[in-house]
Amino acid sequence: MKYYIVEKHYIGPNPHDVEHIDFNRFEISTKLPRHESKGLVLQGWLGTYDDVDLYAHGAYGSLAAAEYAVKALLSGEFRRDPDDDLPPDVLAVYRPGRYAPITDDALIQWLEYKIEVSADDDDNELERQADTMIYELQQEGRTAYRAQMIDCLEFLRDYAREERDD
């Protein structure tokens, strides 16, 4: 049995939408990678389908060898998806990054649950809170960019100011 690596990379117009924010991945599969017109492709571009670029990264004689190759391709921190949600022909999915990214909407909901942002908080206070909240978010397996965290904290502060002024 052969194991094939296919990289899937979202290139569409809405990379921050819920269904796309953590889309990019490497899949190890027993299904032969095919290009629509070229047929079987073991190494190289497979085409673009529904705003997703597909690249083949070789055939391997064992799952362990394919996993080693994926880890080399990721060349940094990565995480593996749980096996129970995979399609039948996919044996493993690896995603870049130690933590899963979070959308702005989900981050705002999480922040509302975790802390109280006051209408009186100044920018310096929000910046101090941002670092702490990123750390706490990462403890739950998610992450946000610092600028994203600050933007969401500012949104909650502005909302608190509107509520106070009404």
N, C-alpha and C. Protein backbone atom coordinates (compact mmCIF):
# COMPACT_ATOMS: atom_id res chain seq x y z
N MET A 1 0.85 -1.18 0.00
CA MET A 1 0.00 0.00 0.00
C MET A 1 0.89 1.24 0.00
N LYS A 2 0.48 2.25 -0.76
CA LYS A 2 1.20 3.52 -0.83
C LYS A 2 0.42 4.59 -0.08
N TYR A 3 1.16 5.55 0.43
CA TYR A 3 0.58 6.68 1.16
C TYR A 3 0.99 7.96 0.43
N TYR A 4 0.03 8.81 0.16
CA TYR A 4 0.26 10.02 -0.64
C TYR A 4 0.00 11.26 0.21
N ILE A 5 0.82 12.27 0.00
CA ILE A 5 0.65 13.54 0.70
C ILE A 5 0.08 14.55 -0.27
N VAL A 6 -1.01 15.20 0.14
CA VAL A 6 -1.61 16.27 -0.64
C VAL A 6 -1.75 17.49 0.27
N GLU A 7 -1.19 18.60 -0.19
CA GLU A 7 -1.32 19.86 0.53
C GLU A 7 -2.54 20.60 0.00
N LYS A 8 -3.36 21.11 0.91
CA LYS A 8 -4.54 21.89 0.53
C LYS A 8 -4.39 23.28 1.13
N HIS A 9 -4.48 24.29 0.26
CA HIS A 9 -4.25 25.67 0.69
C HIS A 9 -5.37 26.56 0.18
N TYR A 10 -6.10 27.20 1.08
CA TYR A 10 -7.20 28.09 0.68
C TYR A 10 -6.63 29.38 0.10
N ILE A 11 -7.09 29.74 -1.09
CA ILE A 11 -6.60 30.96 -1.76
C ILE A 11 -7.74 31.91 -2.10
N GLY A 12 -8.91 31.66 -1.56
CA GLY A 12 -10.09 32.45 -1.90
C GLY A 12 -10.12 33.82 -1.26
N PRO A 13 -11.22 34.54 -1.50
CA PRO A 13 -11.33 35.93 -1.07
C PRO A 13 -11.66 36.13 0.41
N ASN A 14 -12.00 35.08 1.12
CA ASN A 14 -12.45 35.24 2.51
C ASN A 14 -11.64 34.38 3.49
N PRO A 15 -10.34 34.63 3.61
CA PRO A 15 -9.51 33.76 4.45
C PRO A 15 -9.85 33.82 5.94
N HIS A 16 -10.55 34.86 6.39
CA HIS A 16 -10.86 34.98 7.81
C HIS A 16 -12.25 34.49 8.18
N ASP A 17 -12.98 33.93 7.20
CA ASP A 17 -14.29 33.35 7.49
C ASP A 17 -14.10 32.07 8.32
N VAL A 18 -15.13 31.74 9.07
CA VAL A 18 -15.06 30.60 9.98
C VAL A 18 -14.58 29.32 9.29
N GLU A 19 -15.11 29.04 8.10
CA GLU A 19 -14.77 27.78 7.43
C GLU A 19 -13.38 27.80 6.79
N HIS A 20 -12.73 28.96 6.72
CA HIS A 20 -11.44 29.05 6.06
C HIS A 20 -10.27 29.39 6.98
N ILE A 21 -10.52 29.88 8.17
CA ILE A 21 -9.46 30.42 9.01
C ILE A 21 -8.42 29.35 9.38
N ASP A 22 -8.82 28.12 9.47
CA ASP A 22 -7.89 27.04 9.81
C ASP A 22 -7.93 25.95 8.74
N PHE A 23 -8.05 26.37 7.49
CA PHE A 23 -8.25 25.42 6.39
C PHE A 23 -6.96 24.73 5.94
N ASN A 24 -5.86 25.47 5.81
CA ASN A 24 -4.63 24.94 5.20
C ASN A 24 -4.15 23.71 5.95
N ARG A 25 -3.76 22.68 5.14
CA ARG A 25 -3.38 21.42 5.77
C ARG A 25 -2.63 20.51 4.80
N PHE A 26 -2.04 19.48 5.37
CA PHE A 26 -1.43 18.38 4.63
C PHE A 26 -2.20 17.12 5.00
N GLU A 27 -2.67 16.41 3.97
CA GLU A 27 -3.40 15.18 4.20
C GLU A 27 -2.56 13.99 3.73
N ILE A 28 -2.55 12.94 4.52
CA ILE A 28 -1.94 11.67 4.11
C ILE A 28 -3.10 10.75 3.77
N SER A 29 -3.06 10.24 2.54
CA SER A 29 -4.19 9.48 2.03
C SER A 29 -3.71 8.25 1.27
N THR A 30 -4.61 7.31 1.10
CA THR A 30 -4.32 6.15 0.25
C THR A 30 -4.87 6.36 -1.15
N LYS A 31 -5.53 7.50 -1.38
CA LYS A 31 -6.10 7.83 -2.68
C LYS A 31 -5.04 8.48 -3.57
N LEU A 32 -4.92 7.99 -4.79
CA LEU A 32 -3.94 8.54 -5.73
C LEU A 32 -4.26 10.00 -6.05
N PRO A 33 -3.28 10.89 -5.96
CA PRO A 33 -3.53 12.29 -6.30
C PRO A 33 -3.62 12.47 -7.82
N ARG A 34 -4.66 13.13 -8.27
CA ARG A 34 -4.87 13.29 -9.71
C ARG A 34 -5.13 14.74 -10.07
N HIS A 35 -4.62 15.10 -11.24
CA HIS A 35 -4.92 16.39 -11.86
C HIS A 35 -6.02 16.14 -12.88
N GLU A 36 -6.91 17.11 -13.05
CA GLU A 36 -8.06 16.93 -13.94
C GLU A 36 -7.66 16.51 -15.36
N SER A 37 -6.63 17.15 -15.92
CA SER A 37 -6.25 16.83 -17.30
C SER A 37 -4.97 16.01 -17.41
N LYS A 38 -4.07 16.11 -16.44
CA LYS A 38 -2.78 15.39 -16.51
C LYS A 38 -2.85 13.97 -15.96
N GLY A 39 -3.88 13.69 -15.21
CA GLY A 39 -3.99 12.36 -14.59
C GLY A 39 -3.19 12.29 -13.30
N LEU A 40 -2.55 11.16 -13.05
CA LEU A 40 -1.79 10.92 -11.83
C LEU A 40 -0.62 11.89 -11.72
N VAL A 41 -0.50 12.57 -10.59
CA VAL A 41 0.62 13.47 -10.31
C VAL A 41 1.12 13.14 -8.91
N LEU A 42 2.36 12.67 -8.81
CA LEU A 42 2.92 12.34 -7.51
C LEU A 42 3.64 13.52 -6.88
N GLN A 43 4.11 14.44 -7.70
CA GLN A 43 4.85 15.60 -7.19
C GLN A 43 4.46 16.82 -8.01
N GLY A 44 3.86 17.83 -7.37
CA GLY A 44 3.53 19.06 -8.08
C GLY A 44 2.07 19.46 -7.95
N TRP A 45 1.74 20.48 -8.71
CA TRP A 45 0.43 21.11 -8.63
C TRP A 45 -0.66 20.20 -9.20
N LEU A 46 -1.74 20.07 -8.46
CA LEU A 46 -2.87 19.24 -8.88
C LEU A 46 -4.04 20.06 -9.41
N GLY A 47 -3.98 21.36 -9.23
CA GLY A 47 -5.05 22.23 -9.70
C GLY A 47 -5.66 23.03 -8.57
N THR A 48 -6.61 23.85 -8.95
CA THR A 48 -7.35 24.67 -7.99
C THR A 48 -8.83 24.34 -8.14
N TYR A 49 -9.46 24.02 -7.02
CA TYR A 49 -10.86 23.65 -7.00
C TYR A 49 -11.55 24.38 -5.85
N ASP A 50 -12.61 25.11 -6.15
CA ASP A 50 -13.37 25.83 -5.12
C ASP A 50 -12.46 26.67 -4.22
N ASP A 51 -11.58 27.46 -4.83
CA ASP A 51 -10.65 28.36 -4.12
C ASP A 51 -9.62 27.62 -3.27
N VAL A 52 -9.34 26.37 -3.62
CA VAL A 52 -8.34 25.59 -2.89
C VAL A 52 -7.28 25.10 -3.86
N ASP A 53 -6.02 25.49 -3.61
CA ASP A 53 -4.89 24.97 -4.38
C ASP A 53 -4.50 23.61 -3.81
N LEU A 54 -4.23 22.65 -4.70
CA LEU A 54 -3.83 21.32 -4.28
C LEU A 54 -2.44 21.02 -4.84
N TYR A 55 -1.57 20.47 -3.99
CA TYR A 55 -0.22 20.10 -4.38
C TYR A 55 0.07 18.69 -3.89
N ALA A 56 0.62 17.87 -4.77
CA ALA A 56 1.05 16.52 -4.38
C ALA A 56 2.50 16.59 -3.90
N HIS A 57 2.79 15.85 -2.84
CA HIS A 57 4.14 15.85 -2.26
C HIS A 57 4.70 14.44 -2.14
N GLY A 58 4.39 13.57 -3.08
CA GLY A 58 5.06 12.28 -3.14
C GLY A 58 4.25 11.10 -2.65
N ALA A 59 4.84 9.91 -2.92
CA ALA A 59 4.27 8.63 -2.49
C ALA A 59 5.26 7.97 -1.54
N TYR A 60 4.74 7.31 -0.51
CA TYR A 60 5.60 6.73 0.52
C TYR A 60 5.15 5.31 0.81
N GLY A 61 6.10 4.47 1.20
CA GLY A 61 5.83 3.06 1.43
C GLY A 61 5.22 2.76 2.78
N SER A 62 5.24 3.72 3.70
CA SER A 62 4.64 3.49 5.01
C SER A 62 4.03 4.79 5.52
N LEU A 63 3.09 4.65 6.43
CA LEU A 63 2.47 5.82 7.04
C LEU A 63 3.51 6.62 7.82
N ALA A 64 4.42 5.93 8.49
CA ALA A 64 5.46 6.61 9.26
C ALA A 64 6.35 7.46 8.36
N ALA A 65 6.68 6.95 7.19
CA ALA A 65 7.52 7.71 6.25
C ALA A 65 6.76 8.94 5.73
N ALA A 66 5.49 8.78 5.46
CA ALA A 66 4.67 9.92 5.00
C ALA A 66 4.54 10.97 6.10
N GLU A 67 4.35 10.53 7.33
CA GLU A 67 4.26 11.47 8.45
C GLU A 67 5.57 12.22 8.65
N TYR A 68 6.68 11.53 8.52
CA TYR A 68 7.99 12.18 8.63
C TYR A 68 8.15 13.24 7.54
N ALA A 69 7.73 12.93 6.33
CA ALA A 69 7.82 13.89 5.22
C ALA A 69 6.94 15.12 5.47
N VAL A 70 5.74 14.92 6.00
CA VAL A 70 4.85 16.05 6.30
C VAL A 70 5.49 16.94 7.36
N LYS A 71 6.03 16.35 8.38
CA LYS A 71 6.67 17.14 9.45
C LYS A 71 7.85 17.94 8.89
N ALA A 72 8.56 17.39 7.95
CA ALA A 72 9.66 18.12 7.31
C ALA A 72 9.12 19.27 6.45
N LEU A 73 8.00 19.03 5.77
CA LEU A 73 7.39 20.09 4.95
C LEU A 73 6.88 21.24 5.82
N LEU A 74 6.34 20.92 6.98
CA LEU A 74 5.83 21.95 7.87
C LEU A 74 6.96 22.73 8.54
N SER A 75 8.08 22.11 8.74
CA SER A 75 9.31 22.71 9.27
C SER A 75 9.08 23.71 10.40
N GLY A 76 8.23 23.40 11.29
CA GLY A 76 7.95 24.25 12.44
C GLY A 76 6.90 23.60 13.29
N GLU A 77 6.20 24.40 14.03
CA GLU A 77 5.15 23.85 14.89
C GLU A 77 3.95 23.43 14.05
N PHE A 78 3.32 22.35 14.46
CA PHE A 78 2.16 21.81 13.74
C PHE A 78 1.29 21.07 14.73
N ARG A 79 0.11 20.71 14.28
CA ARG A 79 -0.78 19.90 15.09
C ARG A 79 -1.49 18.89 14.18
N ARG A 80 -1.89 17.79 14.77
CA ARG A 80 -2.58 16.75 14.01
C ARG A 80 -4.05 16.75 14.39
N ASP A 81 -4.91 16.64 13.38
CA ASP A 81 -6.36 16.56 13.62
C ASP A 81 -6.70 15.23 14.27
N PRO A 82 -7.76 15.21 15.07
CA PRO A 82 -8.22 13.92 15.62
C PRO A 82 -8.61 12.97 14.49
N ASP A 83 -8.31 11.71 14.67
CA ASP A 83 -8.57 10.71 13.63
C ASP A 83 -10.05 10.42 13.42
N ASP A 84 -10.89 10.70 14.39
CA ASP A 84 -12.30 10.31 14.28
C ASP A 84 -13.11 11.16 13.30
N ASP A 85 -12.58 12.30 12.85
CA ASP A 85 -13.33 13.16 11.93
C ASP A 85 -12.83 13.08 10.48
N LEU A 86 -11.97 12.15 10.18
CA LEU A 86 -11.35 12.10 8.86
C LEU A 86 -12.20 11.34 7.85
N PRO A 87 -12.13 11.75 6.57
CA PRO A 87 -12.78 10.97 5.52
C PRO A 87 -12.16 9.57 5.44
N PRO A 88 -12.85 8.61 4.86
CA PRO A 88 -12.38 7.21 4.86
C PRO A 88 -11.00 7.00 4.23
N ASP A 89 -10.66 7.73 3.17
CA ASP A 89 -9.37 7.50 2.51
C ASP A 89 -8.24 8.35 3.08
N VAL A 90 -8.53 9.20 4.05
CA VAL A 90 -7.51 10.06 4.67
C VAL A 90 -7.12 9.45 6.01
N LEU A 91 -5.81 9.24 6.18
CA LEU A 91 -5.32 8.59 7.39
C LEU A 91 -4.84 9.58 8.44
N ALA A 92 -4.40 10.78 8.00
CA ALA A 92 -3.91 11.79 8.94
C ALA A 92 -3.98 13.16 8.29
N VAL A 93 -4.25 14.16 9.12
CA VAL A 93 -4.27 15.56 8.67
C VAL A 93 -3.40 16.36 9.61
N TYR A 94 -2.45 17.09 9.04
CA TYR A 94 -1.57 17.96 9.82
C TYR A 94 -1.80 19.40 9.39
N ARG A 95 -1.84 20.29 10.36
CA ARG A 95 -2.04 21.72 10.08
C ARG A 95 -0.85 22.51 10.64
N PRO A 96 -0.51 23.60 9.96
CA PRO A 96 0.60 24.42 10.47
C PRO A 96 0.19 25.14 11.76
N GLY A 97 1.16 25.34 12.62
CA GLY A 97 0.94 26.08 13.86
C GLY A 97 0.61 25.19 15.03
N ARG A 98 1.10 25.59 16.17
CA ARG A 98 0.85 24.83 17.40
C ARG A 98 -0.60 24.97 17.85
N TYR A 99 -1.18 26.15 17.59
CA TYR A 99 -2.53 26.44 18.04
C TYR A 99 -3.44 26.74 16.86
N ALA A 100 -4.70 26.43 17.01
CA ALA A 100 -5.69 26.74 15.97
C ALA A 100 -6.05 28.22 16.05
N PRO A 101 -6.09 28.92 14.91
CA PRO A 101 -6.50 30.33 14.94
C PRO A 101 -7.98 30.46 15.26
N ILE A 102 -8.37 31.66 15.64
CA ILE A 102 -9.76 31.92 16.04
C ILE A 102 -10.30 33.10 15.26
N THR A 103 -11.57 33.07 14.92
CA THR A 103 -12.18 34.19 14.20
C THR A 103 -12.45 35.35 15.18
N ASP A 104 -12.66 36.53 14.62
CA ASP A 104 -12.95 37.70 15.47
C ASP A 104 -14.22 37.49 16.28
N ASP A 105 -15.26 36.97 15.63
CA ASP A 105 -16.54 36.76 16.34
C ASP A 105 -16.37 35.79 17.51
N ALA A 106 -15.69 34.70 17.27
CA ALA A 106 -15.47 33.71 18.32
C ALA A 106 -14.59 34.29 19.43
N LEU A 107 -13.60 35.11 19.04
CA LEU A 107 -12.72 35.72 20.03
C LEU A 107 -13.49 36.70 20.91
N ILE A 108 -14.36 37.49 20.32
CA ILE A 108 -15.16 38.43 21.11
C ILE A 108 -16.05 37.68 22.09
N GLN A 109 -16.68 36.60 21.64
CA GLN A 109 -17.52 35.81 22.55
C GLN A 109 -16.69 35.22 23.68
N TRP A 110 -15.51 34.73 23.36
CA TRP A 110 -14.62 34.15 24.37
C TRP A 110 -14.20 35.21 25.38
N LEU A 111 -13.84 36.40 24.88
CA LEU A 111 -13.43 37.49 25.77
C LEU A 111 -14.57 37.92 26.69
N GLU A 112 -15.78 37.99 26.16
CA GLU A 112 -16.93 38.37 26.99
C GLU A 112 -17.13 37.39 28.14
N TYR A 113 -16.81 36.14 27.90
CA TYR A 113 -16.94 35.10 28.92
C TYR A 113 -15.80 35.19 29.94
N LYS A 114 -14.60 35.56 29.47
CA LYS A 114 -13.39 35.51 30.30
C LYS A 114 -13.14 36.76 31.14
N ILE A 115 -13.38 37.95 30.59
CA ILE A 115 -13.03 39.18 31.30
C ILE A 115 -14.11 40.22 31.12
N GLU A 116 -14.04 41.23 31.95
CA GLU A 116 -14.94 42.36 31.81
C GLU A 116 -14.12 43.54 31.32
N VAL A 117 -14.43 44.02 30.15
CA VAL A 117 -13.75 45.18 29.60
C VAL A 117 -14.60 46.39 29.96
N SER A 118 -13.96 47.36 30.60
CA SER A 118 -14.66 48.54 31.09
C SER A 118 -14.62 49.67 30.07
N ALA A 119 -15.60 50.51 30.12
CA ALA A 119 -15.63 51.70 29.27
C ALA A 119 -14.48 52.63 29.63
N ASP A 120 -13.96 52.50 30.84
CA ASP A 120 -12.87 53.37 31.30
C ASP A 120 -11.48 52.83 30.99
N ASP A 121 -11.38 51.63 30.45
CA ASP A 121 -10.06 51.07 30.11
C ASP A 121 -9.40 51.92 29.03
N ASP A 122 -8.14 52.28 29.25
CA ASP A 122 -7.42 53.03 28.22
C ASP A 122 -6.64 52.07 27.33
N ASP A 123 -6.02 52.60 26.28
CA ASP A 123 -5.30 51.75 25.32
C ASP A 123 -4.18 50.97 25.99
N ASN A 124 -3.48 51.57 26.95
CA ASN A 124 -2.39 50.87 27.64
C ASN A 124 -2.92 49.66 28.41
N GLU A 125 -4.07 49.82 29.06
CA GLU A 125 -4.67 48.72 29.81
C GLU A 125 -5.08 47.59 28.86
N LEU A 126 -5.65 47.94 27.71
CA LEU A 126 -6.04 46.91 26.74
C LEU A 126 -4.82 46.17 26.20
N GLU A 127 -3.72 46.87 25.97
CA GLU A 127 -2.50 46.21 25.49
C GLU A 127 -1.95 45.25 26.54
N ARG A 128 -2.02 45.64 27.82
CA ARG A 128 -1.57 44.72 28.89
C ARG A 128 -2.48 43.49 28.94
N GLN A 129 -3.80 43.72 28.82
CA GLN A 129 -4.74 42.60 28.85
C GLN A 129 -4.55 41.67 27.65
N ALA A 130 -4.17 42.23 26.51
CA ALA A 130 -4.03 41.43 25.28
C ALA A 130 -3.03 40.30 25.46
N ASP A 131 -1.87 40.60 26.03
CA ASP A 131 -0.85 39.56 26.20
C ASP A 131 -1.33 38.45 27.13
N THR A 132 -1.98 38.84 28.22
CA THR A 132 -2.50 37.85 29.16
C THR A 132 -3.57 36.98 28.51
N MET A 133 -4.45 37.61 27.76
CA MET A 133 -5.54 36.86 27.15
C MET A 133 -5.04 35.94 26.04
N ILE A 134 -4.02 36.35 25.30
CA ILE A 134 -3.44 35.46 24.28
C ILE A 134 -2.89 34.21 24.96
N TYR A 135 -2.19 34.39 26.07
CA TYR A 135 -1.65 33.26 26.81
C TYR A 135 -2.78 32.32 27.26
N GLU A 136 -3.84 32.89 27.83
CA GLU A 136 -4.97 32.06 28.28
C GLU A 136 -5.64 31.34 27.12
N LEU A 137 -5.78 32.03 26.01
CA LEU A 137 -6.39 31.42 24.82
C LEU A 137 -5.55 30.24 24.33
N GLN A 138 -4.24 30.40 24.35
CA GLN A 138 -3.35 29.32 23.92
C GLN A 138 -3.42 28.12 24.86
N GLN A 139 -3.71 28.34 26.13
CA GLN A 139 -3.88 27.23 27.06
C GLN A 139 -5.09 26.38 26.68
N GLU A 140 -6.00 26.97 25.92
CA GLU A 140 -7.18 26.24 25.45
C GLU A 140 -7.01 25.73 24.02
N GLY A 141 -5.78 25.83 23.47
CA GLY A 141 -5.50 25.27 22.16
C GLY A 141 -5.82 26.18 20.99
N ARG A 142 -6.10 27.45 21.24
CA ARG A 142 -6.41 28.42 20.18
C ARG A 142 -5.40 29.55 20.24
N THR A 143 -5.38 30.41 19.23
CA THR A 143 -4.51 31.57 19.29
C THR A 143 -5.11 32.71 18.49
N ALA A 144 -4.58 33.90 18.74
CA ALA A 144 -4.97 35.11 18.02
C ALA A 144 -3.71 35.96 17.86
N TYR A 145 -3.67 36.73 16.80
CA TYR A 145 -2.60 37.70 16.66
C TYR A 145 -2.79 38.78 17.71
N ARG A 146 -1.71 39.41 18.12
CA ARG A 146 -1.81 40.47 19.14
C ARG A 146 -2.70 41.61 18.64
N ALA A 147 -2.52 42.02 17.39
CA ALA A 147 -3.34 43.10 16.84
C ALA A 147 -4.82 42.71 16.81
N GLN A 148 -5.09 41.45 16.50
CA GLN A 148 -6.47 40.96 16.49
C GLN A 148 -7.06 41.02 17.90
N MET A 149 -6.27 40.60 18.89
CA MET A 149 -6.74 40.62 20.27
C MET A 149 -7.03 42.06 20.71
N ILE A 150 -6.13 42.98 20.39
CA ILE A 150 -6.33 44.38 20.77
C ILE A 150 -7.57 44.94 20.08
N ASP A 151 -7.74 44.64 18.81
CA ASP A 151 -8.93 45.12 18.08
C ASP A 151 -10.22 44.64 18.75
N CYS A 152 -10.25 43.38 19.15
CA CYS A 152 -11.45 42.83 19.78
C CYS A 152 -11.67 43.43 21.17
N LEU A 153 -10.60 43.66 21.91
CA LEU A 153 -10.73 44.32 23.21
C LEU A 153 -11.23 45.75 23.03
N GLU A 154 -10.72 46.45 22.02
CA GLU A 154 -11.19 47.81 21.74
C GLU A 154 -12.67 47.80 21.35
N PHE A 155 -13.08 46.81 20.58
CA PHE A 155 -14.49 46.67 20.22
C PHE A 155 -15.35 46.55 21.47
N LEU A 156 -14.92 45.70 22.41
CA LEU A 156 -15.69 45.51 23.64
C LEU A 156 -15.68 46.77 24.50
N ARG A 157 -14.57 47.50 24.52
CA ARG A 157 -14.52 48.76 25.27
C ARG A 157 -15.47 49.78 24.64
N ASP A 158 -15.44 49.88 23.31
CA ASP A 158 -16.33 50.83 22.63
C ASP A 158 -17.79 50.48 22.86
N TYR A 159 -18.08 49.19 22.88
CA TYR A 159 -19.45 48.74 23.17
C TYR A 159 -19.86 49.15 24.59
N ALA A 160 -18.93 48.96 25.54
CA ALA A 160 -19.21 49.34 26.93
C ALA A 160 -19.43 50.85 27.03
N ARG A 161 -18.70 51.63 26.27
CA ARG A 161 -18.89 53.09 26.26
C ARG A 161 -20.25 53.47 25.69
N GLU A 162 -20.66 52.79 24.63
CA GLU A 162 -21.99 53.05 24.06
C GLU A 162 -23.09 52.73 25.05
N GLU A 163 -22.94 51.61 25.75
CA GLU A 163 -23.92 51.21 26.75
C GLU A 163 -23.99 52.23 27.90
N ARG A 164 -22.82 52.72 28.31
CA ARG A 164 -22.76 53.71 29.39
C ARG A 164 -23.41 55.03 28.98
N ASP A 165 -23.18 55.43 27.73
CA ASP A 165 -23.66 56.72 27.26
C ASP A 165 -25.14 56.73 26.90
N ASP A 166 -25.76 55.56 26.78
CA ASP A 166 -27.19 55.49 26.42
C ASP A 166 -28.09 55.76 27.59
